[in-house]
Amino acid sequence: MLQKELTHPIFKIVSEESQKLGFETFVVGGYVRDIYLNRASKDVDFVTVGSG
């Protein structure tokens, strides 16, 4: 289920840049909730561990 929802190019870009910088980055908030409720979502929230 999640792989299908994370196909937008922004997820790959954020993942690659986070890895380059040595940060852990997670998708959080309403986007995750909407996946489980099978609802459309208009925005994505990320949280980054290690950004200072």
PDB file of N, CA and C in Angstrom:
ATOM      1  N   MET A   1       0.828  -1.191   0.000  1.00  0.00           N
ATOM      2  CA  MET A   1       0.000   0.000   0.000  1.00  0.00           C
ATOM      3  C   MET A   1       0.871   1.252   0.000  1.00  0.00           C
ATOM      4  N   LEU A   2       1.871   1.322   0.857  1.00  0.00           N
ATOM      5  CA  LEU A   2       2.673   2.536   0.955  1.00  0.00           C
ATOM      6  C   LEU A   2       3.532   2.777  -0.273  1.00  0.00           C
ATOM      7  N   GLN A   3       4.075   1.727  -0.874  1.00  0.00           N
ATOM      8  CA  GLN A   3       4.921   1.920  -2.050  1.00  0.00           C
ATOM      9  C   GLN A   3       4.149   2.624  -3.154  1.00  0.00           C
ATOM     10  N   LYS A   4       2.892   2.254  -3.339  1.00  0.00           N
ATOM     11  CA  LYS A   4       2.056   2.885  -4.361  1.00  0.00           C
ATOM     12  C   LYS A   4       1.889   4.376  -4.081  1.00  0.00           C
ATOM     13  N   GLU A   5       1.737   4.733  -2.835  1.00  0.00           N
ATOM     14  CA  GLU A   5       1.492   6.122  -2.453  1.00  0.00           C
ATOM     15  C   GLU A   5       2.747   6.985  -2.498  1.00  0.00           C
ATOM     16  N   LEU A   6       3.910   6.377  -2.513  1.00  0.00           N
ATOM     17  CA  LEU A   6       5.161   7.132  -2.462  1.00  0.00           C
ATOM     18  C   LEU A   6       5.877   7.150  -3.810  1.00  0.00           C
ATOM     19  N   THR A   7       5.121   7.176  -4.903  1.00  0.00           N
ATOM     20  CA  THR A   7       5.718   7.134  -6.237  1.00  0.00           C
ATOM     21  C   THR A   7       5.989   8.511  -6.829  1.00  0.00           C
ATOM     22  N   HIS A   8       5.476   9.566  -6.243  1.00  0.00           N
ATOM     23  CA  HIS A   8       5.717  10.916  -6.769  1.00  0.00           C
ATOM     24  C   HIS A   8       7.214  11.211  -6.718  1.00  0.00           C
ATOM     25  N   PRO A   9       7.759  11.868  -7.741  1.00  0.00           N
ATOM     26  CA  PRO A   9       9.202  12.146  -7.794  1.00  0.00           C
ATOM     27  C   PRO A   9       9.759  12.894  -6.578  1.00  0.00           C
ATOM     28  N   ILE A  10       8.932  13.656  -5.882  1.00  0.00           N
ATOM     29  CA  ILE A  10       9.439  14.423  -4.743  1.00  0.00           C
ATOM     30  C   ILE A  10       9.984  13.509  -3.652  1.00  0.00           C
ATOM     31  N   PHE A  11       9.401  12.314  -3.502  1.00  0.00           N
ATOM     32  CA  PHE A  11       9.879  11.393  -2.469  1.00  0.00           C
ATOM     33  C   PHE A  11      11.287  10.909  -2.775  1.00  0.00           C
ATOM     34  N   LYS A  12      11.572  10.651  -4.026  1.00  0.00           N
ATOM     35  CA  LYS A  12      12.916  10.221  -4.422  1.00  0.00           C
ATOM     36  C   LYS A  12      13.915  11.359  -4.224  1.00  0.00           C
ATOM     37  N   ILE A  13      13.529  12.562  -4.607  1.00  0.00           N
ATOM     38  CA  ILE A  13      14.407  13.729  -4.464  1.00  0.00           C
ATOM     39  C   ILE A  13      14.736  13.964  -2.991  1.00  0.00           C
ATOM     40  N   VAL A  14      13.715  13.986  -2.152  1.00  0.00           N
ATOM     41  CA  VAL A  14      13.929  14.217  -0.716  1.00  0.00           C
ATOM     42  C   VAL A  14      14.782  13.103  -0.124  1.00  0.00           C
ATOM     43  N   SER A  15      14.514  11.876  -0.505  1.00  0.00           N
ATOM     44  CA  SER A  15      15.288  10.742   0.002  1.00  0.00           C
ATOM     45  C   SER A  15      16.760  10.845  -0.383  1.00  0.00           C
ATOM     46  N   GLU A  16      17.020  11.121  -1.646  1.00  0.00           N
ATOM     47  CA  GLU A  16      18.411  11.218  -2.113  1.00  0.00           C
ATOM     48  C   GLU A  16      19.162  12.350  -1.431  1.00  0.00           C
ATOM     49  N   GLU A  17      18.534  13.506  -1.314  1.00  0.00           N
ATOM     50  CA  GLU A  17      19.196  14.651  -0.689  1.00  0.00           C
ATOM     51  C   GLU A  17      19.420  14.410   0.798  1.00  0.00           C
ATOM     52  N   SER A  18      18.465  13.795   1.457  1.00  0.00           N
ATOM     53  CA  SER A  18      18.629  13.472   2.876  1.00  0.00           C
ATOM     54  C   SER A  18      19.799  12.527   3.087  1.00  0.00           C
ATOM     55  N   GLN A  19      19.903  11.521   2.227  1.00  0.00           N
ATOM     56  CA  GLN A  19      21.009  10.570   2.338  1.00  0.00           C
ATOM     57  C   GLN A  19      22.349  11.258   2.113  1.00  0.00           C
ATOM     58  N   LYS A  20      22.420  12.161   1.143  1.00  0.00           N
ATOM     59  CA  LYS A  20      23.665  12.896   0.878  1.00  0.00           C
ATOM     60  C   LYS A  20      24.113  13.672   2.112  1.00  0.00           C
ATOM     61  N   LEU A  21      23.133  14.223   2.825  1.00  0.00           N
ATOM     62  CA  LEU A  21      23.434  15.045   3.997  1.00  0.00           C
ATOM     63  C   LEU A  21      23.548  14.230   5.283  1.00  0.00           C
ATOM     64  N   GLY A  22      23.245  12.950   5.206  1.00  0.00           N
ATOM     65  CA  GLY A  22      23.328  12.094   6.383  1.00  0.00           C
ATOM     66  C   GLY A  22      22.171  12.262   7.348  1.00  0.00           C
ATOM     67  N   PHE A  23      21.027  12.699   6.846  1.00  0.00           N
ATOM     68  CA  PHE A  23      19.846  12.902   7.679  1.00  0.00           C
ATOM     69  C   PHE A  23      18.855  11.762   7.486  1.00  0.00           C
ATOM     70  N   GLU A  24      18.068  11.500   8.512  1.00  0.00           N
ATOM     71  CA  GLU A  24      16.909  10.627   8.390  1.00  0.00           C
ATOM     72  C   GLU A  24      15.712  11.530   8.138  1.00  0.00           C
ATOM     73  N   THR A  25      14.910  11.204   7.143  1.00  0.00           N
ATOM     74  CA  THR A  25      13.738  12.005   6.821  1.00  0.00           C
ATOM     75  C   THR A  25      12.522  11.098   6.724  1.00  0.00           C
ATOM     76  N   PHE A  26      11.425  11.561   7.302  1.00  0.00           N
ATOM     77  CA  PHE A  26      10.203  10.765   7.355  1.00  0.00           C
ATOM     78  C   PHE A  26       9.026  11.575   6.839  1.00  0.00           C
ATOM     79  N   VAL A  27       8.076  10.889   6.209  1.00  0.00           N
ATOM     80  CA  VAL A  27       6.801  11.494   5.827  1.00  0.00           C
ATOM     81  C   VAL A  27       5.902  11.392   7.052  1.00  0.00           C
ATOM     82  N   VAL A  28       5.270  12.498   7.423  1.00  0.00           N
ATOM     83  CA  VAL A  28       4.452  12.545   8.640  1.00  0.00           C
ATOM     84  C   VAL A  28       3.142  13.282   8.369  1.00  0.00           C
ATOM     85  N   GLY A  29       2.307  13.331   9.360  1.00  0.00           N
ATOM     86  CA  GLY A  29       1.127  14.176   9.330  1.00  0.00           C
ATOM     87  C   GLY A  29      -0.033  13.654   8.500  1.00  0.00           C
ATOM     88  N   GLY A  30      -0.769  14.597   7.954  1.00  0.00           N
ATOM     89  CA  GLY A  30      -1.998  14.287   7.237  1.00  0.00           C
ATOM     90  C   GLY A  30      -1.822  13.379   6.042  1.00  0.00           C
ATOM     91  N   TYR A  31      -0.679  13.452   5.387  1.00  0.00           N
ATOM     92  CA  TYR A  31      -0.447  12.591   4.227  1.00  0.00           C
ATOM     93  C   TYR A  31      -0.481  11.123   4.638  1.00  0.00           C
ATOM     94  N   VAL A  32       0.166  10.812   5.736  1.00  0.00           N
ATOM     95  CA  VAL A  32       0.181   9.431   6.237  1.00  0.00           C
ATOM     96  C   VAL A  32      -1.229   9.017   6.655  1.00  0.00           C
ATOM     97  N   ARG A  33      -1.916   9.872   7.377  1.00  0.00           N
ATOM     98  CA  ARG A  33      -3.295   9.589   7.794  1.00  0.00           C
ATOM     99  C   ARG A  33      -4.176   9.317   6.580  1.00  0.00           C
ATOM    100  N   ASP A  34      -4.038  10.156   5.555  1.00  0.00           N
ATOM    101  CA  ASP A  34      -4.876  10.017   4.368  1.00  0.00           C
ATOM    102  C   ASP A  34      -4.612   8.724   3.610  1.00  0.00           C
ATOM    103  N   ILE A  35      -3.382   8.228   3.643  1.00  0.00           N
ATOM    104  CA  ILE A  35      -3.092   6.929   3.024  1.00  0.00           C
ATOM    105  C   ILE A  35      -3.937   5.852   3.697  1.00  0.00           C
ATOM    106  N   TYR A  36      -3.936   5.842   5.015  1.00  0.00           N
ATOM    107  CA  TYR A  36      -4.671   4.809   5.747  1.00  0.00           C
ATOM    108  C   TYR A  36      -6.181   4.965   5.629  1.00  0.00           C
ATOM    109  N   LEU A  37      -6.649   6.179   5.425  1.00  0.00           N
ATOM    110  CA  LEU A  37      -8.085   6.413   5.263  1.00  0.00           C
ATOM    111  C   LEU A  37      -8.507   6.385   3.800  1.00  0.00           C
ATOM    112  N   ASN A  38      -7.539   6.105   2.905  1.00  0.00           N
ATOM    113  CA  ASN A  38      -7.804   6.032   1.468  1.00  0.00           C
ATOM    114  C   ASN A  38      -8.420   7.332   0.945  1.00  0.00           C
ATOM    115  N   ARG A  39      -7.838   8.455   1.371  1.00  0.00           N
ATOM    116  CA  ARG A  39      -8.314   9.770   0.941  1.00  0.00           C
ATOM    117  C   ARG A  39      -7.227  10.465   0.142  1.00  0.00           C
ATOM    118  N   ALA A  40      -7.645  11.371  -0.716  1.00  0.00           N
ATOM    119  CA  ALA A  40      -6.689  12.187  -1.467  1.00  0.00           C
ATOM    120  C   ALA A  40      -6.032  13.180  -0.513  1.00  0.00           C
ATOM    121  N   SER A  41      -4.785  13.518  -0.809  1.00  0.00           N
ATOM    122  CA  SER A  41      -4.055  14.466   0.024  1.00  0.00           C
ATOM    123  C   SER A  41      -3.449  15.532  -0.870  1.00  0.00           C
ATOM    124  N   LYS A  42      -3.470  16.776  -0.417  1.00  0.00           N
ATOM    125  CA  LYS A  42      -2.977  17.887  -1.231  1.00  0.00           C
ATOM    126  C   LYS A  42      -1.558  18.313  -0.885  1.00  0.00           C
ATOM    127  N   ASP A  43      -1.050  17.880   0.259  1.00  0.00           N
ATOM    128  CA  ASP A  43       0.298  18.291   0.647  1.00  0.00           C
ATOM    129  C   ASP A  43       0.998  17.160   1.390  1.00  0.00           C
ATOM    130  N   VAL A  44       2.299  17.315   1.531  1.00  0.00           N
ATOM    131  CA  VAL A  44       3.116  16.313   2.214  1.00  0.00           C
ATOM    132  C   VAL A  44       3.960  17.025   3.262  1.00  0.00           C
ATOM    133  N   ASP A  45       4.036  16.450   4.445  1.00  0.00           N
ATOM    134  CA  ASP A  45       4.880  16.985   5.508  1.00  0.00           C
ATOM    135  C   ASP A  45       6.033  16.027   5.742  1.00  0.00           C
ATOM    136  N   PHE A  46       7.234  16.599   5.879  1.00  0.00           N
ATOM    137  CA  PHE A  46       8.430  15.819   6.167  1.00  0.00           C
ATOM    138  C   PHE A  46       9.006  16.284   7.494  1.00  0.00           C
ATOM    139  N   VAL A  47       9.606  15.366   8.225  1.00  0.00           N
ATOM    140  CA  VAL A  47      10.388  15.722   9.400  1.00  0.00           C
ATOM    141  C   VAL A  47      11.778  15.136   9.175  1.00  0.00           C
ATOM    142  N   THR A  48      12.787  15.919   9.533  1.00  0.00           N
ATOM    143  CA  THR A  48      14.167  15.503   9.325  1.00  0.00           C
ATOM    144  C   THR A  48      14.888  15.432  10.658  1.00  0.00           C
ATOM    145  N   VAL A  49      15.542  14.309  10.903  1.00  0.00           N
ATOM    146  CA  VAL A  49      16.334  14.112  12.111  1.00  0.00           C
ATOM    147  C   VAL A  49      17.786  14.383  11.745  1.00  0.00           C
ATOM    148  N   GLY A  50      18.408  15.301  12.457  1.00  0.00           N
ATOM    149  CA  GLY A  50      19.808  15.607  12.202  1.00  0.00           C
ATOM    150  C   GLY A  50      20.031  16.931  11.513  1.00  0.00           C
ATOM    151  N   SER A  51      18.967  17.716  11.366  1.00  0.00           N
ATOM    152  CA  SER A  51      19.109  18.991  10.672  1.00  0.00           C
ATOM    153  C   SER A  51      19.576  20.109  11.589  1.00  0.00           C
ATOM    154  N   GLY A  52      19.664  19.830  12.881  1.00  0.00           N
ATOM    155  CA  GLY A  52      20.149  20.826  13.815  1.00  0.00           C
ATOM    156  C   GLY A  52      19.063  21.675  14.309  1.00  0.00           C
TER     157      GLY A  52
END
